[in-house]
Amino acid sequence: MSDPELEELRQQTQRTDRLAESAGVEEGTDDLVEDLVDALGAIDSGEQAKTFAARDESVTALLTTLDDRQEDLEAVGTSLQGELGREIDTSSLDRSEIVRLAVRLGLREASPEYLDLLAEASGEYARRNV
């Protein structure tokens, strides 16, 4: 794993109060975490792709335009980084990073318990594969 990947994993594995609150709130949580651990393993081994795709003409237009306008891309990217409490780093910003950050922010706002479960699964996967 590269240093940015390790840092991402560290950020994902930090427990939050919401994780403690959501643990056991919904039945099937353990199954979901185990399924996420399995999915992380499949991605790590190459059995499953590391990428995902979405079809949205408006967002595609925005991302394509941002790709051609570095200053605007950085404005959107640093805003997303800030909202997620990440270190501001314009060197890492590209279309893919914008999408990744936006998805994480959207999930955090709409369904934070799923990001918490993903963090738990990432930590469990790391513990099993160290």
N, C-alpha and C. Protein backbone atom coordinates (compact mmCIF):
# COMPACT_ATOMS: atom_id res chain seq x y z
N MET A 1 0.84 -1.18 0.00
CA MET A 1 0.00 0.00 0.00
C MET A 1 0.88 1.24 0.00
N SER A 2 0.46 2.26 -0.74
CA SER A 2 1.20 3.51 -0.76
C SER A 2 0.86 4.33 0.48
N ASP A 3 1.67 5.36 0.75
CA ASP A 3 1.43 6.20 1.91
C ASP A 3 0.05 6.85 1.90
N PRO A 4 -0.44 7.40 0.75
CA PRO A 4 -1.80 7.95 0.76
C PRO A 4 -2.86 6.90 1.08
N GLU A 5 -2.66 5.67 0.60
CA GLU A 5 -3.62 4.61 0.90
C GLU A 5 -3.61 4.27 2.38
N LEU A 6 -2.42 4.25 2.98
CA LEU A 6 -2.32 3.97 4.41
C LEU A 6 -3.00 5.07 5.22
N GLU A 7 -2.78 6.33 4.82
CA GLU A 7 -3.42 7.44 5.52
C GLU A 7 -4.94 7.36 5.40
N GLU A 8 -5.42 7.01 4.21
CA GLU A 8 -6.86 6.85 3.99
C GLU A 8 -7.40 5.75 4.90
N LEU A 9 -6.68 4.64 5.00
CA LEU A 9 -7.10 3.54 5.85
C LEU A 9 -7.12 3.96 7.31
N ARG A 10 -6.10 4.72 7.73
CA ARG A 10 -6.08 5.22 9.11
C ARG A 10 -7.30 6.09 9.39
N GLN A 11 -7.62 6.97 8.44
CA GLN A 11 -8.78 7.84 8.62
C GLN A 11 -10.06 7.03 8.66
N GLN A 12 -10.13 5.99 7.86
CA GLN A 12 -11.33 5.16 7.82
C GLN A 12 -11.50 4.34 9.09
N THR A 13 -10.39 3.95 9.72
CA THR A 13 -10.47 3.05 10.86
C THR A 13 -10.61 3.76 12.19
N GLN A 14 -10.55 5.09 12.20
CA GLN A 14 -10.76 5.81 13.44
C GLN A 14 -12.23 5.69 13.83
N ARG A 15 -12.45 5.23 15.04
CA ARG A 15 -13.83 5.07 15.52
C ARG A 15 -14.40 6.44 15.88
N THR A 16 -15.69 6.58 15.68
CA THR A 16 -16.38 7.81 16.04
C THR A 16 -17.49 7.48 17.02
N ASP A 17 -18.03 8.51 17.65
CA ASP A 17 -19.15 8.30 18.56
C ASP A 17 -20.34 7.71 17.81
N ARG A 18 -20.54 8.15 16.55
CA ARG A 18 -21.65 7.62 15.77
C ARG A 18 -21.51 6.13 15.58
N LEU A 19 -20.28 5.64 15.42
CA LEU A 19 -20.08 4.21 15.24
C LEU A 19 -20.56 3.47 16.49
N ALA A 20 -20.21 3.98 17.64
CA ALA A 20 -20.64 3.34 18.88
C ALA A 20 -22.16 3.38 18.99
N GLU A 21 -22.76 4.49 18.58
CA GLU A 21 -24.22 4.61 18.65
C GLU A 21 -24.90 3.70 17.64
N SER A 22 -24.32 3.59 16.43
CA SER A 22 -24.99 2.82 15.39
C SER A 22 -24.73 1.32 15.52
N ALA A 23 -23.68 0.94 16.25
CA ALA A 23 -23.40 -0.48 16.42
C ALA A 23 -24.55 -1.12 17.16
N GLY A 24 -25.19 -2.06 16.52
CA GLY A 24 -26.30 -2.74 17.14
C GLY A 24 -27.64 -2.04 16.96
N VAL A 25 -27.66 -0.84 16.39
CA VAL A 25 -28.92 -0.14 16.17
C VAL A 25 -29.76 -0.91 15.17
N GLU A 26 -29.13 -1.37 14.13
CA GLU A 26 -29.85 -2.12 13.11
C GLU A 26 -29.40 -3.57 13.14
N GLU A 27 -30.37 -4.45 13.01
CA GLU A 27 -30.03 -5.86 12.91
C GLU A 27 -29.35 -6.10 11.57
N GLY A 28 -28.45 -7.05 11.53
CA GLY A 28 -27.75 -7.35 10.29
C GLY A 28 -26.49 -6.55 10.10
N THR A 29 -26.15 -5.70 11.08
CA THR A 29 -24.96 -4.88 10.97
C THR A 29 -23.71 -5.74 10.84
N ASP A 30 -23.63 -6.79 11.65
CA ASP A 30 -22.45 -7.67 11.58
C ASP A 30 -22.33 -8.31 10.21
N ASP A 31 -23.46 -8.71 9.63
CA ASP A 31 -23.45 -9.30 8.29
C ASP A 31 -22.96 -8.28 7.26
N LEU A 32 -23.43 -7.04 7.39
CA LEU A 32 -23.02 -6.00 6.45
C LEU A 32 -21.52 -5.74 6.56
N VAL A 33 -21.02 -5.65 7.79
CA VAL A 33 -19.58 -5.44 7.98
C VAL A 33 -18.80 -6.59 7.37
N GLU A 34 -19.26 -7.81 7.61
CA GLU A 34 -18.56 -8.98 7.05
C GLU A 34 -18.60 -8.96 5.52
N ASP A 35 -19.74 -8.56 4.95
CA ASP A 35 -19.84 -8.45 3.49
C ASP A 35 -18.89 -7.37 2.96
N LEU A 36 -18.77 -6.27 3.70
CA LEU A 36 -17.83 -5.22 3.30
C LEU A 36 -16.39 -5.70 3.39
N VAL A 37 -16.06 -6.45 4.44
CA VAL A 37 -14.71 -7.02 4.56
C VAL A 37 -14.43 -7.93 3.37
N ASP A 38 -15.41 -8.76 2.99
CA ASP A 38 -15.25 -9.64 1.83
C ASP A 38 -15.06 -8.83 0.55
N ALA A 39 -15.83 -7.75 0.40
CA ALA A 39 -15.71 -6.91 -0.80
C ALA A 39 -14.34 -6.24 -0.85
N LEU A 40 -13.85 -5.77 0.30
CA LEU A 40 -12.51 -5.17 0.34
C LEU A 40 -11.45 -6.19 -0.06
N GLY A 41 -11.62 -7.43 0.39
CA GLY A 41 -10.68 -8.49 0.01
C GLY A 41 -10.72 -8.77 -1.48
N ALA A 42 -11.92 -8.80 -2.04
CA ALA A 42 -12.06 -9.05 -3.48
C ALA A 42 -11.43 -7.92 -4.29
N ILE A 43 -11.57 -6.70 -3.83
CA ILE A 43 -10.95 -5.56 -4.51
C ILE A 43 -9.44 -5.64 -4.39
N ASP A 44 -8.96 -5.93 -3.19
CA ASP A 44 -7.52 -6.01 -2.95
C ASP A 44 -6.86 -7.12 -3.77
N SER A 45 -7.57 -8.23 -3.96
CA SER A 45 -7.00 -9.35 -4.71
C SER A 45 -7.18 -9.21 -6.22
N GLY A 46 -7.94 -8.22 -6.64
CA GLY A 46 -8.16 -8.02 -8.07
C GLY A 46 -9.37 -8.75 -8.61
N GLU A 47 -10.10 -9.46 -7.76
CA GLU A 47 -11.31 -10.17 -8.20
C GLU A 47 -12.42 -9.20 -8.55
N GLN A 48 -12.39 -8.03 -7.95
CA GLN A 48 -13.41 -7.01 -8.18
C GLN A 48 -12.69 -5.71 -8.53
N ALA A 49 -13.28 -4.93 -9.43
CA ALA A 49 -12.67 -3.67 -9.85
C ALA A 49 -12.60 -2.68 -8.70
N LYS A 50 -11.58 -1.81 -8.74
CA LYS A 50 -11.43 -0.76 -7.74
C LYS A 50 -12.25 0.47 -8.09
N THR A 51 -12.83 0.48 -9.26
CA THR A 51 -13.56 1.65 -9.73
C THR A 51 -15.06 1.39 -9.78
N PHE A 52 -15.82 2.46 -9.84
CA PHE A 52 -17.26 2.36 -10.05
C PHE A 52 -17.63 3.44 -11.06
N ALA A 53 -18.78 3.30 -11.67
CA ALA A 53 -19.22 4.25 -12.68
C ALA A 53 -20.61 4.74 -12.35
N ALA A 54 -20.89 5.94 -12.78
CA ALA A 54 -22.23 6.51 -12.61
C ALA A 54 -22.58 7.26 -13.89
N ARG A 55 -23.84 7.21 -14.25
CA ARG A 55 -24.30 7.92 -15.44
C ARG A 55 -25.13 9.11 -14.99
N ASP A 56 -24.62 10.30 -15.26
CA ASP A 56 -25.34 11.53 -14.93
C ASP A 56 -24.82 12.62 -15.85
N GLU A 57 -25.63 13.00 -16.82
CA GLU A 57 -25.18 13.95 -17.84
C GLU A 57 -24.76 15.29 -17.24
N SER A 58 -25.52 15.80 -16.29
CA SER A 58 -25.21 17.11 -15.70
C SER A 58 -23.90 17.07 -14.93
N VAL A 59 -23.73 16.03 -14.11
CA VAL A 59 -22.50 15.92 -13.34
C VAL A 59 -21.32 15.68 -14.27
N THR A 60 -21.52 14.90 -15.32
CA THR A 60 -20.46 14.68 -16.30
C THR A 60 -20.05 16.00 -16.94
N ALA A 61 -21.03 16.84 -17.27
CA ALA A 61 -20.73 18.15 -17.85
C ALA A 61 -19.91 18.99 -16.88
N LEU A 62 -20.32 18.99 -15.61
CA LEU A 62 -19.58 19.75 -14.61
C LEU A 62 -18.16 19.24 -14.46
N LEU A 63 -18.00 17.93 -14.33
CA LEU A 63 -16.67 17.36 -14.14
C LEU A 63 -15.77 17.59 -15.35
N THR A 64 -16.33 17.47 -16.54
CA THR A 64 -15.55 17.71 -17.76
C THR A 64 -15.10 19.17 -17.81
N THR A 65 -15.99 20.08 -17.46
CA THR A 65 -15.64 21.50 -17.46
C THR A 65 -14.59 21.79 -16.39
N LEU A 66 -14.78 21.24 -15.20
CA LEU A 66 -13.80 21.45 -14.13
C LEU A 66 -12.43 20.92 -14.53
N ASP A 67 -12.42 19.82 -15.25
CA ASP A 67 -11.16 19.22 -15.69
C ASP A 67 -10.36 20.19 -16.56
N ASP A 68 -11.07 21.05 -17.28
CA ASP A 68 -10.42 22.03 -18.16
C ASP A 68 -10.16 23.36 -17.46
N ARG A 69 -10.62 23.50 -16.24
CA ARG A 69 -10.50 24.76 -15.50
C ARG A 69 -9.90 24.47 -14.12
N GLN A 70 -8.58 24.39 -14.08
CA GLN A 70 -7.86 23.96 -12.87
C GLN A 70 -8.25 24.76 -11.64
N GLU A 71 -8.38 26.07 -11.78
CA GLU A 71 -8.71 26.90 -10.62
C GLU A 71 -10.08 26.53 -10.03
N ASP A 72 -11.04 26.29 -10.90
CA ASP A 72 -12.37 25.89 -10.43
C ASP A 72 -12.35 24.48 -9.85
N LEU A 73 -11.59 23.58 -10.47
CA LEU A 73 -11.45 22.22 -9.96
C LEU A 73 -10.87 22.27 -8.55
N GLU A 74 -9.86 23.10 -8.34
CA GLU A 74 -9.25 23.23 -7.02
C GLU A 74 -10.22 23.84 -6.01
N ALA A 75 -11.04 24.79 -6.46
CA ALA A 75 -12.02 25.40 -5.55
C ALA A 75 -13.02 24.36 -5.07
N VAL A 76 -13.54 23.56 -5.98
CA VAL A 76 -14.49 22.51 -5.61
C VAL A 76 -13.79 21.47 -4.74
N GLY A 77 -12.62 21.04 -5.15
CA GLY A 77 -11.90 20.00 -4.43
C GLY A 77 -11.50 20.40 -3.03
N THR A 78 -10.98 21.62 -2.87
CA THR A 78 -10.58 22.04 -1.53
C THR A 78 -11.80 22.25 -0.63
N SER A 79 -12.91 22.67 -1.22
CA SER A 79 -14.15 22.79 -0.44
C SER A 79 -14.59 21.42 0.07
N LEU A 80 -14.55 20.42 -0.80
CA LEU A 80 -14.90 19.05 -0.39
C LEU A 80 -13.93 18.54 0.67
N GLN A 81 -12.63 18.75 0.46
CA GLN A 81 -11.65 18.31 1.45
C GLN A 81 -11.93 18.96 2.80
N GLY A 82 -12.21 20.26 2.79
CA GLY A 82 -12.49 20.97 4.03
C GLY A 82 -13.73 20.44 4.74
N GLU A 83 -14.80 20.21 3.98
CA GLU A 83 -16.04 19.69 4.56
C GLU A 83 -15.84 18.31 5.19
N LEU A 84 -14.93 17.54 4.62
CA LEU A 84 -14.65 16.21 5.15
C LEU A 84 -13.59 16.22 6.25
N GLY A 85 -13.07 17.41 6.56
CA GLY A 85 -12.05 17.50 7.60
C GLY A 85 -10.70 16.98 7.16
N ARG A 86 -10.49 16.96 5.86
CA ARG A 86 -9.22 16.47 5.32
C ARG A 86 -8.22 17.61 5.20
N GLU A 87 -6.96 17.25 5.15
CA GLU A 87 -5.91 18.23 4.88
C GLU A 87 -6.11 18.74 3.46
N ILE A 88 -6.00 20.06 3.28
CA ILE A 88 -6.16 20.65 1.95
C ILE A 88 -4.90 20.33 1.15
N ASP A 89 -5.10 19.65 0.02
CA ASP A 89 -3.99 19.22 -0.83
C ASP A 89 -4.44 19.32 -2.29
N THR A 90 -4.09 20.42 -2.93
CA THR A 90 -4.52 20.61 -4.32
C THR A 90 -3.79 19.68 -5.28
N SER A 91 -2.65 19.16 -4.89
CA SER A 91 -1.88 18.30 -5.81
C SER A 91 -2.59 16.97 -6.08
N SER A 92 -3.47 16.56 -5.20
CA SER A 92 -4.16 15.28 -5.38
C SER A 92 -5.47 15.41 -6.14
N LEU A 93 -5.85 16.63 -6.50
CA LEU A 93 -7.17 16.85 -7.08
C LEU A 93 -7.21 16.60 -8.59
N ASP A 94 -8.12 15.74 -8.98
CA ASP A 94 -8.46 15.50 -10.38
C ASP A 94 -9.93 15.09 -10.39
N ARG A 95 -10.46 14.78 -11.56
CA ARG A 95 -11.87 14.40 -11.65
C ARG A 95 -12.22 13.24 -10.73
N SER A 96 -11.39 12.24 -10.73
CA SER A 96 -11.65 11.06 -9.91
C SER A 96 -11.69 11.41 -8.43
N GLU A 97 -10.78 12.23 -7.99
CA GLU A 97 -10.73 12.63 -6.58
C GLU A 97 -11.96 13.46 -6.21
N ILE A 98 -12.40 14.33 -7.11
CA ILE A 98 -13.60 15.13 -6.87
C ILE A 98 -14.80 14.20 -6.66
N VAL A 99 -14.95 13.21 -7.53
CA VAL A 99 -16.06 12.27 -7.41
C VAL A 99 -15.96 11.49 -6.10
N ARG A 100 -14.78 11.01 -5.79
CA ARG A 100 -14.58 10.22 -4.57
C ARG A 100 -14.95 11.04 -3.33
N LEU A 101 -14.45 12.27 -3.28
CA LEU A 101 -14.75 13.14 -2.14
C LEU A 101 -16.24 13.48 -2.06
N ALA A 102 -16.85 13.75 -3.21
CA ALA A 102 -18.28 14.10 -3.24
C ALA A 102 -19.14 12.93 -2.78
N VAL A 103 -18.79 11.73 -3.21
CA VAL A 103 -19.55 10.55 -2.78
C VAL A 103 -19.42 10.37 -1.27
N ARG A 104 -18.22 10.49 -0.76
CA ARG A 104 -18.01 10.34 0.69
C ARG A 104 -18.78 11.41 1.47
N LEU A 105 -18.75 12.65 0.98
CA LEU A 105 -19.47 13.72 1.66
C LEU A 105 -20.97 13.47 1.61
N GLY A 106 -21.47 13.05 0.47
CA GLY A 106 -22.89 12.75 0.34
C GLY A 106 -23.31 11.63 1.28
N LEU A 107 -22.52 10.58 1.34
CA LEU A 107 -22.83 9.48 2.26
C LEU A 107 -22.75 9.93 3.71
N ARG A 108 -21.76 10.75 4.01
CA ARG A 108 -21.62 11.23 5.39
C ARG A 108 -22.84 12.06 5.81
N GLU A 109 -23.34 12.85 4.88
CA GLU A 109 -24.48 13.70 5.19
C GLU A 109 -25.79 12.91 5.22
N ALA A 110 -25.97 11.98 4.30
CA ALA A 110 -27.24 11.27 4.17
C ALA A 110 -27.33 9.99 4.99
N SER A 111 -26.25 9.25 5.05
CA SER A 111 -26.25 7.94 5.74
C SER A 111 -24.92 7.71 6.43
N PRO A 112 -24.60 8.52 7.43
CA PRO A 112 -23.29 8.41 8.07
C PRO A 112 -23.01 7.04 8.67
N GLU A 113 -24.06 6.34 9.07
CA GLU A 113 -23.85 5.04 9.68
C GLU A 113 -23.19 4.07 8.71
N TYR A 114 -23.43 4.24 7.40
CA TYR A 114 -22.80 3.34 6.43
C TYR A 114 -21.31 3.64 6.28
N LEU A 115 -20.93 4.90 6.36
CA LEU A 115 -19.50 5.21 6.35
C LEU A 115 -18.84 4.69 7.62
N ASP A 116 -19.56 4.76 8.73
CA ASP A 116 -19.02 4.22 9.98
C ASP A 116 -18.82 2.71 9.87
N LEU A 117 -19.79 2.03 9.26
CA LEU A 117 -19.66 0.58 9.07
C LEU A 117 -18.52 0.26 8.11
N LEU A 118 -18.35 1.09 7.08
CA LEU A 118 -17.23 0.90 6.16
C LEU A 118 -15.90 1.08 6.89
N ALA A 119 -15.83 2.07 7.77
CA ALA A 119 -14.62 2.28 8.56
C ALA A 119 -14.34 1.06 9.44
N GLU A 120 -15.39 0.53 10.05
CA GLU A 120 -15.23 -0.66 10.88
C GLU A 120 -14.73 -1.84 10.03
N ALA A 121 -15.32 -2.00 8.86
CA ALA A 121 -14.92 -3.10 7.97
C ALA A 121 -13.49 -2.91 7.48
N SER A 122 -13.12 -1.67 7.17
CA SER A 122 -11.74 -1.40 6.71
C SER A 122 -10.74 -1.75 7.80
N GLY A 123 -11.08 -1.38 9.03
CA GLY A 123 -10.22 -1.72 10.16
C GLY A 123 -10.11 -3.22 10.36
N GLU A 124 -11.23 -3.90 10.26
CA GLU A 124 -11.24 -5.36 10.42
C GLU A 124 -10.43 -6.01 9.30
N TYR A 125 -10.60 -5.53 8.08
CA TYR A 125 -9.85 -6.08 6.95
C TYR A 125 -8.35 -5.87 7.17
N ALA A 126 -7.98 -4.68 7.63
CA ALA A 126 -6.56 -4.39 7.89
C ALA A 126 -6.02 -5.30 8.99
N ARG A 127 -6.79 -5.50 10.06
CA ARG A 127 -6.34 -6.38 11.15
C ARG A 127 -6.12 -7.81 10.66
N ARG A 128 -7.00 -8.27 9.79
CA ARG A 128 -6.90 -9.65 9.29
C ARG A 128 -5.76 -9.83 8.29
N ASN A 129 -5.31 -8.75 7.69
CA ASN A 129 -4.34 -8.87 6.60
C ASN A 129 -3.03 -8.15 6.87
N VAL A 130 -2.70 -7.96 8.13
CA VAL A 130 -1.44 -7.30 8.47
C VAL A 130 -0.32 -8.29 8.49
